Amino acid sequence: MNQVGTHFTSQVQDIGVTAEALDVGADIGTIGFLLIRNLDPTNYVEVGSDNAVANNVAVILAGQAVPIKPKSGVTVYLKANTAPVQVEFLAIEL
């Protein structure tokens, strides 16, 4: 993967049981690489490409991390199972 942009961000975000967009901030144009780690000891997190998370691209089990290469222009949505969780992520601009 060739990185054209120069921005990246790493942060922790609270994710509820209703799907919500991953907040990578305004400086990331197109996400080229995304690493998401579920910090919860019990509940999993669904990752999808729409706000209903109907089109799952991944399920991140408690305590695990998943690398993702999102399609260009797609917003990444997350949804916690059973109870809110925290995820830590690293997003690198393409």
PDB file of N, CA and C in Angstrom:
ATOM      1  N   MET A   1       0.842  -1.169   0.000  1.00  0.00           N
ATOM      2  CA  MET A   1       0.000   0.000   0.000  1.00  0.00           C
ATOM      3  C   MET A   1       0.888   1.233   0.000  1.00  0.00           C
ATOM      4  N   ASN A   2       0.670   2.121  -0.925  1.00  0.00           N
ATOM      5  CA  ASN A   2       1.407   3.374  -0.984  1.00  0.00           C
ATOM      6  C   ASN A   2       0.615   4.463  -0.285  1.00  0.00           C
ATOM      7  N   GLN A   3       1.226   5.121   0.663  1.00  0.00           N
ATOM      8  CA  GLN A   3       0.556   6.198   1.365  1.00  0.00           C
ATOM      9  C   GLN A   3       0.837   7.508   0.652  1.00  0.00           C
ATOM     10  N   VAL A   4      -0.239   8.153   0.193  1.00  0.00           N
ATOM     11  CA  VAL A   4      -0.127   9.447  -0.475  1.00  0.00           C
ATOM     12  C   VAL A   4      -0.289  10.567   0.540  1.00  0.00           C
ATOM     13  N   GLY A   5      -1.260  10.414   1.452  1.00  0.00           N
ATOM     14  CA  GLY A   5      -1.502  11.410   2.492  1.00  0.00           C
ATOM     15  C   GLY A   5      -0.466  11.326   3.589  1.00  0.00           C
ATOM     16  N   THR A   6      -0.519  12.258   4.514  1.00  0.00           N
ATOM     17  CA  THR A   6       0.462  12.307   5.586  1.00  0.00           C
ATOM     18  C   THR A   6      -0.162  12.186   6.973  1.00  0.00           C
ATOM     19  N   HIS A   7      -1.476  12.055   7.052  1.00  0.00           N
ATOM     20  CA  HIS A   7      -2.145  12.082   8.348  1.00  0.00           C
ATOM     21  C   HIS A   7      -2.460  10.682   8.871  1.00  0.00           C
ATOM     22  N   PHE A   8      -2.480  10.590  10.202  1.00  0.00           N
ATOM     23  CA  PHE A   8      -2.961   9.399  10.881  1.00  0.00           C
ATOM     24  C   PHE A   8      -3.507   9.832  12.230  1.00  0.00           C
ATOM     25  N   THR A   9      -4.320   8.988  12.828  1.00  0.00           N
ATOM     26  CA  THR A   9      -4.853   9.283  14.141  1.00  0.00           C
ATOM     27  C   THR A   9      -4.977   7.987  14.927  1.00  0.00           C
ATOM     28  N   SER A  10      -4.810   8.086  16.225  1.00  0.00           N
ATOM     29  CA  SER A  10      -4.979   6.966  17.122  1.00  0.00           C
ATOM     30  C   SER A  10      -5.719   7.482  18.348  1.00  0.00           C
ATOM     31  N   GLN A  11      -6.821   6.827  18.674  1.00  0.00           N
ATOM     32  CA  GLN A  11      -7.599   7.283  19.822  1.00  0.00           C
ATOM     33  C   GLN A  11      -8.517   6.183  20.336  1.00  0.00           C
ATOM     34  N   VAL A  12      -9.201   6.478  21.427  1.00  0.00           N
ATOM     35  CA  VAL A  12     -10.184   5.580  22.018  1.00  0.00           C
ATOM     36  C   VAL A  12     -11.556   6.208  21.819  1.00  0.00           C
ATOM     37  N   GLN A  13     -12.527   5.383  21.408  1.00  0.00           N
ATOM     38  CA  GLN A  13     -13.887   5.876  21.191  1.00  0.00           C
ATOM     39  C   GLN A  13     -14.867   4.967  21.919  1.00  0.00           C
ATOM     40  N   ASP A  14     -15.861   5.566  22.565  1.00  0.00           N
ATOM     41  CA  ASP A  14     -16.944   4.811  23.193  1.00  0.00           C
ATOM     42  C   ASP A  14     -17.934   4.410  22.108  1.00  0.00           C
ATOM     43  N   ILE A  15     -18.328   3.135  22.103  1.00  0.00           N
ATOM     44  CA  ILE A  15     -19.256   2.611  21.104  1.00  0.00           C
ATOM     45  C   ILE A  15     -20.467   2.041  21.833  1.00  0.00           C
ATOM     46  N   GLY A  16     -21.648   2.502  21.443  1.00  0.00           N
ATOM     47  CA  GLY A  16     -22.882   2.039  22.065  1.00  0.00           C
ATOM     48  C   GLY A  16     -23.504   0.876  21.325  1.00  0.00           C
ATOM     49  N   VAL A  17     -24.697   0.481  21.750  1.00  0.00           N
ATOM     50  CA  VAL A  17     -25.402  -0.648  21.150  1.00  0.00           C
ATOM     51  C   VAL A  17     -26.193  -0.243  19.916  1.00  0.00           C
ATOM     52  N   THR A  18     -26.128   1.027  19.552  1.00  0.00           N
ATOM     53  CA  THR A  18     -26.674   1.521  18.295  1.00  0.00           C
ATOM     54  C   THR A  18     -25.494   1.873  17.402  1.00  0.00           C
ATOM     55  N   ALA A  19     -25.580   1.513  16.136  1.00  0.00           N
ATOM     56  CA  ALA A  19     -24.460   1.741  15.216  1.00  0.00           C
ATOM     57  C   ALA A  19     -24.078   3.210  15.152  1.00  0.00           C
ATOM     58  N   GLU A  20     -22.772   3.467  15.143  1.00  0.00           N
ATOM     59  CA  GLU A  20     -22.271   4.837  15.039  1.00  0.00           C
ATOM     60  C   GLU A  20     -20.995   4.858  14.204  1.00  0.00           C
ATOM     61  N   ALA A  21     -20.777   5.981  13.546  1.00  0.00           N
ATOM     62  CA  ALA A  21     -19.609   6.121  12.683  1.00  0.00           C
ATOM     63  C   ALA A  21     -18.334   6.212  13.514  1.00  0.00           C
ATOM     64  N   LEU A  22     -17.289   5.595  13.012  1.00  0.00           N
ATOM     65  CA  LEU A  22     -15.975   5.734  13.622  1.00  0.00           C
ATOM     66  C   LEU A  22     -15.502   7.162  13.379  1.00  0.00           C
ATOM     67  N   ASP A  23     -15.116   7.852  14.421  1.00  0.00           N
ATOM     68  CA  ASP A  23     -14.732   9.263  14.328  1.00  0.00           C
ATOM     69  C   ASP A  23     -13.234   9.398  14.115  1.00  0.00           C
ATOM     70  N   VAL A  24     -12.822   9.412  12.841  1.00  0.00           N
ATOM     71  CA  VAL A  24     -11.400   9.518  12.530  1.00  0.00           C
ATOM     72  C   VAL A  24     -10.948  10.971  12.430  1.00  0.00           C
ATOM     73  N   GLY A  25     -11.870  11.910  12.503  1.00  0.00           N
ATOM     74  CA  GLY A  25     -11.515  13.326  12.447  1.00  0.00           C
ATOM     75  C   GLY A  25     -11.480  13.862  11.029  1.00  0.00           C
ATOM     76  N   ALA A  26     -11.350  15.158  10.929  1.00  0.00           N
ATOM     77  CA  ALA A  26     -11.422  15.850   9.640  1.00  0.00           C
ATOM     78  C   ALA A  26     -10.131  15.770   8.836  1.00  0.00           C
ATOM     79  N   ASP A  27      -9.010  15.471   9.484  1.00  0.00           N
ATOM     80  CA  ASP A  27      -7.725  15.478   8.785  1.00  0.00           C
ATOM     81  C   ASP A  27      -7.484  14.236   7.926  1.00  0.00           C
ATOM     82  N   ILE A  28      -8.205  13.167   8.198  1.00  0.00           N
ATOM     83  CA  ILE A  28      -8.050  11.938   7.407  1.00  0.00           C
ATOM     84  C   ILE A  28      -8.982  12.042   6.205  1.00  0.00           C
ATOM     85  N   GLY A  29      -8.406  12.118   5.013  1.00  0.00           N
ATOM     86  CA  GLY A  29      -9.211  12.192   3.794  1.00  0.00           C
ATOM     87  C   GLY A  29      -9.846  10.856   3.478  1.00  0.00           C
ATOM     88  N   THR A  30      -9.049   9.899   3.073  1.00  0.00           N
ATOM     89  CA  THR A  30      -9.486   8.537   2.785  1.00  0.00           C
ATOM     90  C   THR A  30      -8.685   7.594   3.662  1.00  0.00           C
ATOM     91  N   ILE A  31      -9.388   6.720   4.382  1.00  0.00           N
ATOM     92  CA  ILE A  31      -8.701   5.760   5.244  1.00  0.00           C
ATOM     93  C   ILE A  31      -8.049   4.697   4.363  1.00  0.00           C
ATOM     94  N   GLY A  32      -6.743   4.561   4.485  1.00  0.00           N
ATOM     95  CA  GLY A  32      -6.027   3.539   3.744  1.00  0.00           C
ATOM     96  C   GLY A  32      -5.857   2.268   4.556  1.00  0.00           C
ATOM     97  N   PHE A  33      -5.738   2.416   5.868  1.00  0.00           N
ATOM     98  CA  PHE A  33      -5.547   1.275   6.757  1.00  0.00           C
ATOM     99  C   PHE A  33      -6.174   1.612   8.100  1.00  0.00           C
ATOM    100  N   LEU A  34      -6.820   0.630   8.698  1.00  0.00           N
ATOM    101  CA  LEU A  34      -7.493   0.818   9.971  1.00  0.00           C
ATOM    102  C   LEU A  34      -7.220  -0.394  10.851  1.00  0.00           C
ATOM    103  N   LEU A  35      -6.793  -0.147  12.065  1.00  0.00           N
ATOM    104  CA  LEU A  35      -6.611  -1.207  13.050  1.00  0.00           C
ATOM    105  C   LEU A  35      -7.521  -0.872  14.224  1.00  0.00           C
ATOM    106  N   ILE A  36      -8.443  -1.777  14.540  1.00  0.00           N
ATOM    107  CA  ILE A  36      -9.396  -1.547  15.631  1.00  0.00           C
ATOM    108  C   ILE A  36      -9.213  -2.628  16.683  1.00  0.00           C
ATOM    109  N   ARG A  37      -9.091  -2.193  17.946  1.00  0.00           N
ATOM    110  CA  ARG A  37      -8.961  -3.131  19.066  1.00  0.00           C
ATOM    111  C   ARG A  37     -10.118  -2.927  20.027  1.00  0.00           C
ATOM    112  N   ASN A  38     -10.792  -3.996  20.347  1.00  0.00           N
ATOM    113  CA  ASN A  38     -11.903  -3.980  21.288  1.00  0.00           C
ATOM    114  C   ASN A  38     -11.326  -4.061  22.699  1.00  0.00           C
ATOM    115  N   LEU A  39     -11.531  -3.029  23.493  1.00  0.00           N
ATOM    116  CA  LEU A  39     -10.986  -2.979  24.846  1.00  0.00           C
ATOM    117  C   LEU A  39     -11.882  -3.646  25.886  1.00  0.00           C
ATOM    118  N   ASP A  40     -13.069  -4.081  25.487  1.00  0.00           N
ATOM    119  CA  ASP A  40     -14.016  -4.668  26.438  1.00  0.00           C
ATOM    120  C   ASP A  40     -13.621  -6.118  26.768  1.00  0.00           C
ATOM    121  N   PRO A  41     -13.772  -6.528  28.024  1.00  0.00           N
ATOM    122  CA  PRO A  41     -13.412  -7.896  28.401  1.00  0.00           C
ATOM    123  C   PRO A  41     -14.501  -8.928  28.104  1.00  0.00           C
ATOM    124  N   THR A  42     -15.707  -8.461  27.703  1.00  0.00           N
ATOM    125  CA  THR A  42     -16.836  -9.382  27.557  1.00  0.00           C
ATOM    126  C   THR A  42     -17.543  -9.305  26.202  1.00  0.00           C
ATOM    127  N   ASN A  43     -17.853  -8.106  25.758  1.00  0.00           N
ATOM    128  CA  ASN A  43     -18.727  -7.924  24.598  1.00  0.00           C
ATOM    129  C   ASN A  43     -17.958  -7.742  23.294  1.00  0.00           C
ATOM    130  N   TYR A  44     -18.558  -8.231  22.212  1.00  0.00           N
ATOM    131  CA  TYR A  44     -17.939  -8.047  20.904  1.00  0.00           C
ATOM    132  C   TYR A  44     -18.461  -6.790  20.228  1.00  0.00           C
ATOM    133  N   VAL A  45     -17.789  -6.390  19.153  1.00  0.00           N
ATOM    134  CA  VAL A  45     -18.142  -5.205  18.388  1.00  0.00           C
ATOM    135  C   VAL A  45     -18.316  -5.620  16.928  1.00  0.00           C
ATOM    136  N   GLU A  46     -19.413  -5.184  16.315  1.00  0.00           N
ATOM    137  CA  GLU A  46     -19.637  -5.424  14.900  1.00  0.00           C
ATOM    138  C   GLU A  46     -19.114  -4.229  14.111  1.00  0.00           C
ATOM    139  N   VAL A  47     -18.495  -4.497  12.979  1.00  0.00           N
ATOM    140  CA  VAL A  47     -17.984  -3.458  12.092  1.00  0.00           C
ATOM    141  C   VAL A  47     -18.738  -3.574  10.782  1.00  0.00           C
ATOM    142  N   GLY A  48     -19.274  -2.447  10.310  1.00  0.00           N
ATOM    143  CA  GLY A  48     -20.046  -2.482   9.078  1.00  0.00           C
ATOM    144  C   GLY A  48     -19.819  -1.265   8.216  1.00  0.00           C
ATOM    145  N   SER A  49     -20.443  -1.311   7.039  1.00  0.00           N
ATOM    146  CA  SER A  49     -20.295  -0.222   6.081  1.00  0.00           C
ATOM    147  C   SER A  49     -21.567   0.601   5.934  1.00  0.00           C
ATOM    148  N   ASP A  50     -22.521   0.393   6.838  1.00  0.00           N
ATOM    149  CA  ASP A  50     -23.720   1.225   6.843  1.00  0.00           C
ATOM    150  C   ASP A  50     -24.181   1.429   8.280  1.00  0.00           C
ATOM    151  N   ASN A  51     -25.090   2.380   8.487  1.00  0.00           N
ATOM    152  CA  ASN A  51     -25.451   2.742   9.857  1.00  0.00           C
ATOM    153  C   ASN A  51     -26.343   1.714  10.553  1.00  0.00           C
ATOM    154  N   ALA A  52     -26.726   0.658   9.856  1.00  0.00           N
ATOM    155  CA  ALA A  52     -27.452  -0.436  10.501  1.00  0.00           C
ATOM    156  C   ALA A  52     -26.516  -1.612  10.778  1.00  0.00           C
ATOM    157  N   VAL A  53     -25.280  -1.512  10.324  1.00  0.00           N
ATOM    158  CA  VAL A  53     -24.277  -2.563  10.408  1.00  0.00           C
ATOM    159  C   VAL A  53     -24.851  -3.863   9.830  1.00  0.00           C
ATOM    160  N   ALA A  54     -25.724  -3.706   8.834  1.00  0.00           N
ATOM    161  CA  ALA A  54     -26.318  -4.862   8.172  1.00  0.00           C
ATOM    162  C   ALA A  54     -25.302  -5.564   7.276  1.00  0.00           C
ATOM    163  N   ASN A  55     -24.353  -4.807   6.747  1.00  0.00           N
ATOM    164  CA  ASN A  55     -23.317  -5.381   5.898  1.00  0.00           C
ATOM    165  C   ASN A  55     -22.022  -5.484   6.704  1.00  0.00           C
ATOM    166  N   ASN A  56     -21.975  -6.454   7.611  1.00  0.00           N
ATOM    167  CA  ASN A  56     -20.795  -6.624   8.472  1.00  0.00           C
ATOM    168  C   ASN A  56     -19.562  -6.933   7.641  1.00  0.00           C
ATOM    169  N   VAL A  57     -18.468  -6.295   8.001  1.00  0.00           N
ATOM    170  CA  VAL A  57     -17.186  -6.646   7.403  1.00  0.00           C
ATOM    171  C   VAL A  57     -16.305  -7.365   8.415  1.00  0.00           C
ATOM    172  N   ALA A  58     -16.667  -7.250   9.695  1.00  0.00           N
ATOM    173  CA  ALA A  58     -15.886  -7.928  10.731  1.00  0.00           C
ATOM    174  C   ALA A  58     -16.655  -7.934  12.044  1.00  0.00           C
ATOM    175  N   VAL A  59     -16.312  -8.879  12.883  1.00  0.00           N
ATOM    176  CA  VAL A  59     -16.753  -8.913  14.273  1.00  0.00           C
ATOM    177  C   VAL A  59     -15.477  -8.975  15.097  1.00  0.00           C
ATOM    178  N   ILE A  60     -15.350  -8.037  16.036  1.00  0.00           N
ATOM    179  CA  ILE A  60     -14.151  -7.988  16.864  1.00  0.00           C
ATOM    180  C   ILE A  60     -14.521  -8.508  18.252  1.00  0.00           C
ATOM    181  N   LEU A  61     -13.984  -9.650  18.593  1.00  0.00           N
ATOM    182  CA  LEU A  61     -14.285 -10.261  19.875  1.00  0.00           C
ATOM    183  C   LEU A  61     -13.627  -9.480  21.013  1.00  0.00           C
ATOM    184  N   ALA A  62     -14.111  -9.710  22.217  1.00  0.00           N
ATOM    185  CA  ALA A  62     -13.582  -9.025  23.398  1.00  0.00           C
ATOM    186  C   ALA A  62     -12.069  -9.189  23.488  1.00  0.00           C
ATOM    187  N   GLY A  63     -11.363  -8.065  23.622  1.00  0.00           N
ATOM    188  CA  GLY A  63      -9.923  -8.074  23.785  1.00  0.00           C
ATOM    189  C   GLY A  63      -9.114  -8.276  22.519  1.00  0.00           C
ATOM    190  N   GLN A  64      -9.767  -8.451  21.389  1.00  0.00           N
ATOM    191  CA  GLN A  64      -9.042  -8.710  20.151  1.00  0.00           C
ATOM    192  C   GLN A  64      -8.947  -7.470  19.272  1.00  0.00           C
ATOM    193  N   ALA A  65      -8.051  -7.552  18.273  1.00  0.00           N
ATOM    194  CA  ALA A  65      -7.849  -6.469  17.311  1.00  0.00           C
ATOM    195  C   ALA A  65      -7.977  -7.028  15.900  1.00  0.00           C
ATOM    196  N   VAL A  66      -8.442  -6.158  14.981  1.00  0.00           N
ATOM    197  CA  VAL A  66      -8.639  -6.559  13.592  1.00  0.00           C
ATOM    198  C   VAL A  66      -8.113  -5.459  12.672  1.00  0.00           C
ATOM    199  N   PRO A  67      -7.247  -5.818  11.704  1.00  0.00           N
ATOM    200  CA  PRO A  67      -6.846  -4.842  10.684  1.00  0.00           C
ATOM    201  C   PRO A  67      -7.887  -4.836   9.562  1.00  0.00           C
ATOM    202  N   ILE A  68      -8.206  -3.655   9.064  1.00  0.00           N
ATOM    203  CA  ILE A  68      -9.225  -3.519   8.014  1.00  0.00           C
ATOM    204  C   ILE A  68      -8.709  -2.556   6.950  1.00  0.00           C
ATOM    205  N   LYS A  69      -8.967  -2.872   5.701  1.00  0.00           N
ATOM    206  CA  LYS A  69      -8.671  -1.988   4.572  1.00  0.00           C
ATOM    207  C   LYS A  69     -10.027  -1.574   3.992  1.00  0.00           C
ATOM    208  N   PRO A  70     -10.587  -0.436   4.463  1.00  0.00           N
ATOM    209  CA  PRO A  70     -11.909  -0.018   3.978  1.00  0.00           C
ATOM    210  C   PRO A  70     -11.868   0.385   2.508  1.00  0.00           C
ATOM    211  N   LYS A  71     -13.000   0.206   1.826  1.00  0.00           N
ATOM    212  CA  LYS A  71     -13.121   0.698   0.462  1.00  0.00           C
ATOM    213  C   LYS A  71     -13.054   2.216   0.486  1.00  0.00           C
ATOM    214  N   SER A  72     -12.526   2.785  -0.564  1.00  0.00           N
ATOM    215  CA  SER A  72     -12.411   4.245  -0.666  1.00  0.00           C
ATOM    216  C   SER A  72     -13.783   4.903  -0.558  1.00  0.00           C
ATOM    217  N   GLY A  73     -13.873   5.904   0.304  1.00  0.00           N
ATOM    218  CA  GLY A  73     -15.108   6.670   0.456  1.00  0.00           C
ATOM    219  C   GLY A  73     -16.157   6.052   1.365  1.00  0.00           C
ATOM    220  N   VAL A  74     -15.884   4.894   1.935  1.00  0.00           N
ATOM    221  CA  VAL A  74     -16.847   4.217   2.801  1.00  0.00           C
ATOM    222  C   VAL A  74     -16.648   4.666   4.244  1.00  0.00           C
ATOM    223  N   THR A  75     -17.743   5.024   4.906  1.00  0.00           N
ATOM    224  CA  THR A  75     -17.706   5.335   6.332  1.00  0.00           C
ATOM    225  C   THR A  75     -17.785   4.031   7.109  1.00  0.00           C
ATOM    226  N   VAL A  76     -16.951   3.883   8.110  1.00  0.00           N
ATOM    227  CA  VAL A  76     -16.926   2.671   8.937  1.00  0.00           C
ATOM    228  C   VAL A  76     -17.826   2.893  10.140  1.00  0.00           C
ATOM    229  N   TYR A  77     -18.750   1.954  10.361  1.00  0.00           N
ATOM    230  CA  TYR A  77     -19.667   2.014  11.494  1.00  0.00           C
ATOM    231  C   TYR A  77     -19.370   0.875  12.459  1.00  0.00           C
ATOM    232  N   LEU A  78     -19.557   1.153  13.753  1.00  0.00           N
ATOM    233  CA  LEU A  78     -19.351   0.153  14.797  1.00  0.00           C
ATOM    234  C   LEU A  78     -20.601   0.053  15.663  1.00  0.00           C
ATOM    235  N   LYS A  79     -20.826  -1.139  16.190  1.00  0.00           N
ATOM    236  CA  LYS A  79     -21.974  -1.374  17.061  1.00  0.00           C
ATOM    237  C   LYS A  79     -21.578  -2.405  18.108  1.00  0.00           C
ATOM    238  N   ALA A  80     -21.768  -2.065  19.372  1.00  0.00           N
ATOM    239  CA  ALA A  80     -21.444  -2.981  20.462  1.00  0.00           C
ATOM    240  C   ALA A  80     -22.571  -3.980  20.677  1.00  0.00           C
ATOM    241  N   ASN A  81     -22.209  -5.150  21.147  1.00  0.00           N
ATOM    242  CA  ASN A  81     -23.178  -6.177  21.469  1.00  0.00           C
ATOM    243  C   ASN A  81     -23.483  -6.131  22.956  1.00  0.00           C
ATOM    244  N   THR A  82     -24.739  -6.076  23.323  1.00  0.00           N
ATOM    245  CA  THR A  82     -25.241  -6.159  24.701  1.00  0.00           C
ATOM    246  C   THR A  82     -25.012  -4.910  25.547  1.00  0.00           C
ATOM    247  N   ALA A  83     -23.805  -4.384  25.589  1.00  0.00           N
ATOM    248  CA  ALA A  83     -23.501  -3.215  26.422  1.00  0.00           C
ATOM    249  C   ALA A  83     -22.441  -2.367  25.728  1.00  0.00           C
ATOM    250  N   PRO A  84     -22.408  -1.057  26.025  1.00  0.00           N
ATOM    251  CA  PRO A  84     -21.390  -0.185  25.411  1.00  0.00           C
ATOM    252  C   PRO A  84     -19.970  -0.666  25.704  1.00  0.00           C
ATOM    253  N   VAL A  85     -19.081  -0.399  24.768  1.00  0.00           N
ATOM    254  CA  VAL A  85     -17.676  -0.787  24.894  1.00  0.00           C
ATOM    255  C   VAL A  85     -16.787   0.381  24.484  1.00  0.00           C
ATOM    256  N   GLN A  86     -15.513   0.239  24.705  1.00  0.00           N
ATOM    257  CA  GLN A  86     -14.521   1.176  24.183  1.00  0.00           C
ATOM    258  C   GLN A  86     -13.668   0.433  23.164  1.00  0.00           C
ATOM    259  N   VAL A  87     -13.362   1.143  22.081  1.00  0.00           N
ATOM    260  CA  VAL A  87     -12.428   0.604  21.103  1.00  0.00           C
ATOM    261  C   VAL A  87     -11.280   1.581  20.956  1.00  0.00           C
ATOM    262  N   GLU A  88     -10.116   1.039  20.692  1.00  0.00           N
ATOM    263  CA  GLU A  88      -8.945   1.845  20.386  1.00  0.00           C
ATOM    264  C   GLU A  88      -8.668   1.612  18.910  1.00  0.00           C
ATOM    265  N   PHE A  89      -8.368   2.687  18.174  1.00  0.00           N
ATOM    266  CA  PHE A  89      -8.111   2.488  16.756  1.00  0.00           C
ATOM    267  C   PHE A  89      -6.962   3.353  16.260  1.00  0.00           C
ATOM    268  N   LEU A  90      -6.371   2.858  15.184  1.00  0.00           N
ATOM    269  CA  LEU A  90      -5.345   3.579  14.450  1.00  0.00           C
ATOM    270  C   LEU A  90      -5.843   3.680  13.017  1.00  0.00           C
ATOM    271  N   ALA A  91      -5.997   4.901  12.512  1.00  0.00           N
ATOM    272  CA  ALA A  91      -6.430   5.130  11.132  1.00  0.00           C
ATOM    273  C   ALA A  91      -5.317   5.866  10.409  1.00  0.00           C
ATOM    274  N   ILE A  92      -4.902   5.311   9.267  1.00  0.00           N
ATOM    275  CA  ILE A  92      -3.841   5.922   8.470  1.00  0.00           C
ATOM    276  C   ILE A  92      -4.435   6.344   7.138  1.00  0.00           C
ATOM    277  N   GLU A  93      -4.161   7.599   6.774  1.00  0.00           N
ATOM    278  CA  GLU A  93      -4.677   8.141   5.527  1.00  0.00           C
ATOM    279  C   GLU A  93      -4.013   7.482   4.335  1.00  0.00           C
ATOM    280  N   LEU A  94      -4.799   7.253   3.302  1.00  0.00           N
ATOM    281  CA  LEU A  94      -4.266   6.659   2.072  1.00  0.00           C
ATOM    282  C   LEU A  94      -3.452   7.663   1.317  1.00  0.00           C
TER     283      LEU A  94
END
